PDB file of N, CA and C in Angstrom:
ATOM      1  N   MET A   1       0.674  -0.957   0.178  1.00  0.00           N
ATOM      2  CA  MET A   1      -0.025   0.510  -0.303  1.00  0.00           C
ATOM      3  C   MET A   1       1.180   1.063   0.021  1.00  0.00           C
ATOM      4  N   ALA A   2       1.882   1.639   0.565  1.00  0.00           N
ATOM      5  CA  ALA A   2       2.923   2.130   0.740  1.00  0.00           C
ATOM      6  C   ALA A   2       3.527   2.177  -0.656  1.00  0.00           C
ATOM      7  N   GLN A   3       4.046   1.774  -1.493  1.00  0.00           N
ATOM      8  CA  GLN A   3       4.439   1.787  -2.771  1.00  0.00           C
ATOM      9  C   GLN A   3       3.287   2.411  -3.353  1.00  0.00           C
ATOM     10  N   ARG A   4       1.877   1.776  -3.321  1.00  0.00           N
ATOM     11  CA  ARG A   4       1.156   2.345  -4.553  1.00  0.00           C
ATOM     12  C   ARG A   4       0.438   3.795  -4.256  1.00  0.00           C
ATOM     13  N   PHE A   5       1.263   4.130  -3.034  1.00  0.00           N
ATOM     14  CA  PHE A   5       0.621   5.790  -2.382  1.00  0.00           C
ATOM     15  C   PHE A   5       1.958   6.850  -2.994  1.00  0.00           C
ATOM     16  N   TYR A   6       3.391   6.249  -2.840  1.00  0.00           N
ATOM     17  CA  TYR A   6       4.566   6.638  -3.724  1.00  0.00           C
ATOM     18  C   TYR A   6       3.751   6.851  -5.002  1.00  0.00           C
ATOM     19  N   TYR A   7       3.429   6.142  -5.602  1.00  0.00           N
ATOM     20  CA  TYR A   7       3.479   5.914  -7.304  1.00  0.00           C
ATOM     21  C   TYR A   7       2.601   6.626  -7.470  1.00  0.00           C
ATOM     22  N   LEU A   8       1.084   6.953  -6.416  1.00  0.00           N
ATOM     23  CA  LEU A   8       0.074   8.135  -7.076  1.00  0.00           C
ATOM     24  C   LEU A   8       0.816   9.079  -6.538  1.00  0.00           C
ATOM     25  N   SER A   9       1.310   9.160  -5.475  1.00  0.00           N
ATOM     26  CA  SER A   9       1.743  10.875  -5.702  1.00  0.00           C
ATOM     27  C   SER A   9       2.914  10.996  -6.570  1.00  0.00           C
ATOM     28  N   ILE A  10       4.032  10.252  -6.639  1.00  0.00           N
ATOM     29  CA  ILE A  10       4.567  10.753  -8.536  1.00  0.00           C
ATOM     30  C   ILE A  10       4.233  10.862  -9.698  1.00  0.00           C
ATOM     31  N   LYS A  11       3.071  10.132 -10.042  1.00  0.00           N
ATOM     32  CA  LYS A  11       2.025  10.136 -10.913  1.00  0.00           C
ATOM     33  C   LYS A  11       1.054  12.003 -11.004  1.00  0.00           C
ATOM     34  N   PHE A  12       0.639  12.314 -10.101  1.00  0.00           N
ATOM     35  CA  PHE A  12       0.199  13.032  -9.617  1.00  0.00           C
ATOM     36  C   PHE A  12       1.129  14.583  -9.317  1.00  0.00           C
ATOM     37  N   GLU A  13       2.668  14.187  -9.161  1.00  0.00           N
ATOM     38  CA  GLU A  13       2.924  15.233  -8.783  1.00  0.00           C
ATOM     39  C   GLU A  13       2.973  16.565  -8.831  1.00  0.00           C
ATOM     40  N   ASP A  14       2.391  16.758 -10.095  1.00  0.00           N
ATOM     41  CA  ASP A  14       2.402  17.773 -10.540  1.00  0.00           C
ATOM     42  C   ASP A  14       0.978  19.301  -9.500  1.00  0.00           C
ATOM     43  N   ARG A  15       0.771  18.159  -9.285  1.00  0.00           N
ATOM     44  CA  ARG A  15      -1.208  18.557  -8.731  1.00  0.00           C
ATOM     45  C   ARG A  15      -0.949  18.148  -6.876  1.00  0.00           C
ATOM     46  N   LEU A  16      -0.034  17.926  -6.609  1.00  0.00           N
ATOM     47  CA  LEU A  16      -0.134  17.695  -5.141  1.00  0.00           C
ATOM     48  C   LEU A  16       1.153  18.503  -4.225  1.00  0.00           C
ATOM     49  N   PRO A  17       1.070  18.902  -3.437  1.00  0.00           N
ATOM     50  CA  PRO A  17       1.793  19.848  -2.245  1.00  0.00           C
ATOM     51  C   PRO A  17       3.317  18.800  -2.324  1.00  0.00           C
ATOM     52  N   LYS A  18       4.738  18.979  -2.626  1.00  0.00           N
ATOM     53  CA  LYS A  18       5.824  18.754  -2.445  1.00  0.00           C
ATOM     54  C   LYS A  18       5.608  17.849  -0.961  1.00  0.00           C
ATOM     55  N   SER A  19       5.346  18.665   0.091  1.00  0.00           N
ATOM     56  CA  SER A  19       5.250  17.788   0.799  1.00  0.00           C
ATOM     57  C   SER A  19       4.715  16.232   1.189  1.00  0.00           C
ATOM     58  N   THR A  20       3.627  16.153   0.144  1.00  0.00           N
ATOM     59  CA  THR A  20       3.273  15.281   0.095  1.00  0.00           C
ATOM     60  C   THR A  20       3.980  13.696  -0.332  1.00  0.00           C
ATOM     61  N   VAL A  21       4.500  14.449  -1.470  1.00  0.00           N
ATOM     62  CA  VAL A  21       5.271  13.559  -2.544  1.00  0.00           C
ATOM     63  C   VAL A  21       6.435  12.962  -1.309  1.00  0.00           C
ATOM     64  N   LYS A  22       7.049  13.883  -0.896  1.00  0.00           N
ATOM     65  CA  LYS A  22       8.411  13.858   0.236  1.00  0.00           C
ATOM     66  C   LYS A  22       7.729  12.435   1.568  1.00  0.00           C
ATOM     67  N   PHE A  23       6.272  13.328   2.262  1.00  0.00           N
ATOM     68  CA  PHE A  23       6.238  12.232   3.277  1.00  0.00           C
ATOM     69  C   PHE A  23       5.752  10.883   2.094  1.00  0.00           C
ATOM     70  N   ALA A  24       5.592  10.437   1.307  1.00  0.00           N
ATOM     71  CA  ALA A  24       4.867   9.616   0.563  1.00  0.00           C
ATOM     72  C   ALA A  24       6.161   8.218   0.239  1.00  0.00           C
ATOM     73  N   LYS A  25       7.145   9.530  -0.292  1.00  0.00           N
ATOM     74  CA  LYS A  25       8.585   8.928   0.037  1.00  0.00           C
ATOM     75  C   LYS A  25       9.391   8.335   1.209  1.00  0.00           C
ATOM     76  N   GLU A  26       9.133   8.871   2.195  1.00  0.00           N
ATOM     77  CA  GLU A  26       9.558   8.482   3.628  1.00  0.00           C
ATOM     78  C   GLU A  26       9.079   7.131   3.776  1.00  0.00           C
ATOM     79  N   ILE A  27       7.639   7.262   3.863  1.00  0.00           N
ATOM     80  CA  ILE A  27       6.827   6.160   4.053  1.00  0.00           C
ATOM     81  C   ILE A  27       6.693   4.676   3.162  1.00  0.00           C
ATOM     82  N   CYS A  28       7.344   4.997   2.201  1.00  0.00           N
ATOM     83  CA  CYS A  28       7.805   3.677   1.050  1.00  0.00           C
ATOM     84  C   CYS A  28       9.138   3.603   1.420  1.00  0.00           C
ATOM     85  N   ASP A  29      10.408   4.340   2.029  1.00  0.00           N
ATOM     86  CA  ASP A  29      11.257   4.161   2.415  1.00  0.00           C
ATOM     87  C   ASP A  29      11.518   3.759   3.590  1.00  0.00           C
ATOM     88  N   ALA A  30      10.298   3.460   4.166  1.00  0.00           N
ATOM     89  CA  ALA A  30      10.235   2.772   6.092  1.00  0.00           C
ATOM     90  C   ALA A  30       9.788   1.245   5.347  1.00  0.00           C
ATOM     91  N   TYR A  31       8.947   1.649   4.694  1.00  0.00           N
ATOM     92  CA  TYR A  31       8.336   0.231   5.095  1.00  0.00           C
ATOM     93  C   TYR A  31       9.487  -1.033   3.697  1.00  0.00           C
ATOM     94  N   THR A  32       9.947  -0.243   3.209  1.00  0.00           N
ATOM     95  CA  THR A  32      11.264  -1.233   2.327  1.00  0.00           C
ATOM     96  C   THR A  32      12.185  -1.309   3.162  1.00  0.00           C
ATOM     97  N   LYS A  33      12.591  -0.575   3.753  1.00  0.00           N
ATOM     98  CA  LYS A  33      13.458  -1.115   5.395  1.00  0.00           C
ATOM     99  C   LYS A  33      12.959  -2.150   6.114  1.00  0.00           C
ATOM    100  N   MET A  34      11.452  -1.925   6.423  1.00  0.00           N
ATOM    101  CA  MET A  34      11.103  -3.038   7.467  1.00  0.00           C
ATOM    102  C   MET A  34      11.089  -4.318   6.882  1.00  0.00           C
ATOM    103  N   ALA A  35      10.869  -4.173   5.625  1.00  0.00           N
ATOM    104  CA  ALA A  35      10.661  -5.786   4.479  1.00  0.00           C
ATOM    105  C   ALA A  35      11.955  -6.246   4.411  1.00  0.00           C
ATOM    106  N   LYS A  36      12.648  -5.569   4.741  1.00  0.00           N
ATOM    107  CA  LYS A  36      14.536  -5.954   4.220  1.00  0.00           C
ATOM    108  C   LYS A  36      15.130  -6.474   5.412  1.00  0.00           C
ATOM    109  N   LYS A  37      14.756  -5.755   7.029  1.00  0.00           N
ATOM    110  CA  LYS A  37      14.761  -6.580   8.385  1.00  0.00           C
ATOM    111  C   LYS A  37      14.252  -7.709   8.578  1.00  0.00           C
ATOM    112  N   MET A  38      12.737  -7.896   8.003  1.00  0.00           N
ATOM    113  CA  MET A  38      12.529  -8.818   8.842  1.00  0.00           C
ATOM    114  C   MET A  38      12.459 -10.273   7.441  1.00  0.00           C
ATOM    115  N   GLU A  39      13.393  -9.876   6.130  1.00  0.00           N
ATOM    116  CA  GLU A  39      13.976 -10.887   5.351  1.00  0.00           C
ATOM    117  C   GLU A  39      12.595 -11.254   4.555  1.00  0.00           C
ATOM    118  N   LEU A  40      11.648  -9.966   4.183  1.00  0.00           N
ATOM    119  CA  LEU A  40      10.557 -10.591   3.791  1.00  0.00           C
ATOM    120  C   LEU A  40      10.798 -10.594   2.011  1.00  0.00           C
ATOM    121  N   SER A  41      10.120 -10.986   0.814  1.00  0.00           N
ATOM    122  CA  SER A  41      10.488 -11.107  -0.695  1.00  0.00           C
ATOM    123  C   SER A  41       9.436 -12.311  -1.073  1.00  0.00           C
ATOM    124  N   LEU A  42       9.169 -12.172  -2.858  1.00  0.00           N
ATOM    125  CA  LEU A  42       8.263 -12.474  -3.052  1.00  0.00           C
ATOM    126  C   LEU A  42       9.265 -13.088  -4.042  1.00  0.00           C
ATOM    127  N   ASN A  43       8.687 -14.099  -4.246  1.00  0.00           N
ATOM    128  CA  ASN A  43       9.165 -15.401  -5.497  1.00  0.00           C
ATOM    129  C   ASN A  43       8.671 -15.030  -6.892  1.00  0.00           C
ATOM    130  N   SER A  44       9.264 -15.057  -7.883  1.00  0.00           N
ATOM    131  CA  SER A  44       8.931 -14.610  -9.727  1.00  0.00           C
ATOM    132  C   SER A  44       7.043 -14.537  -9.519  1.00  0.00           C
ATOM    133  N   GLU A  45       6.247 -15.146  -8.982  1.00  0.00           N
ATOM    134  CA  GLU A  45       5.005 -15.585  -9.542  1.00  0.00           C
ATOM    135  C   GLU A  45       4.531 -14.404  -9.177  1.00  0.00           C
ATOM    136  N   GLU A  46       4.782 -14.013  -7.868  1.00  0.00           N
ATOM    137  CA  GLU A  46       3.877 -13.283  -7.149  1.00  0.00           C
ATOM    138  C   GLU A  46       4.270 -11.601  -7.371  1.00  0.00           C
ATOM    139  N   LEU A  47       5.688 -12.031  -7.616  1.00  0.00           N
ATOM    140  CA  LEU A  47       5.908 -10.484  -8.329  1.00  0.00           C
ATOM    141  C   LEU A  47       5.357  -9.701  -9.584  1.00  0.00           C
ATOM    142  N   LEU A  48       5.243 -10.864 -10.386  1.00  0.00           N
ATOM    143  CA  LEU A  48       4.378 -10.475 -11.584  1.00  0.00           C
ATOM    144  C   LEU A  48       2.492 -10.473 -11.533  1.00  0.00           C
ATOM    145  N   ASP A  49       2.618 -10.982 -10.587  1.00  0.00           N
ATOM    146  CA  ASP A  49       1.337 -10.958  -9.490  1.00  0.00           C
ATOM    147  C   ASP A  49       0.763  -9.837  -9.585  1.00  0.00           C
ATOM    148  N   GLU A  50       2.191  -8.863  -8.749  1.00  0.00           N
ATOM    149  CA  GLU A  50       1.720  -7.432  -7.625  1.00  0.00           C
ATOM    150  C   GLU A  50       2.106  -6.330  -8.975  1.00  0.00           C
ATOM    151  N   ILE A  51       2.899  -6.903  -9.751  1.00  0.00           N
ATOM    152  CA  ILE A  51       3.105  -6.011 -11.027  1.00  0.00           C
ATOM    153  C   ILE A  51       1.892  -5.663 -11.804  1.00  0.00           C
ATOM    154  N   LEU A  52       1.494  -6.835 -12.174  1.00  0.00           N
ATOM    155  CA  LEU A  52       0.659  -6.547 -12.978  1.00  0.00           C
ATOM    156  C   LEU A  52      -1.435  -6.193 -12.679  1.00  0.00           C
ATOM    157  N   LYS A  53      -1.619  -6.287 -11.209  1.00  0.00           N
ATOM    158  CA  LYS A  53      -2.649  -5.620 -10.813  1.00  0.00           C
ATOM    159  C   LYS A  53      -3.101  -4.287 -11.425  1.00  0.00           C
TER     160      LYS A  53
END
């Protein structure tokens, strides 16, 4: 969900305040770091499913 928020904030960057885009990036970075700490990962099939949503 954090990645989706970041994606949408980049997509509509010209319509959103810069603080919103910055906040979205910080949230995405935080969740990515937590996932790396927890050693969470997706296999190829799961990754394709996420990309093609």
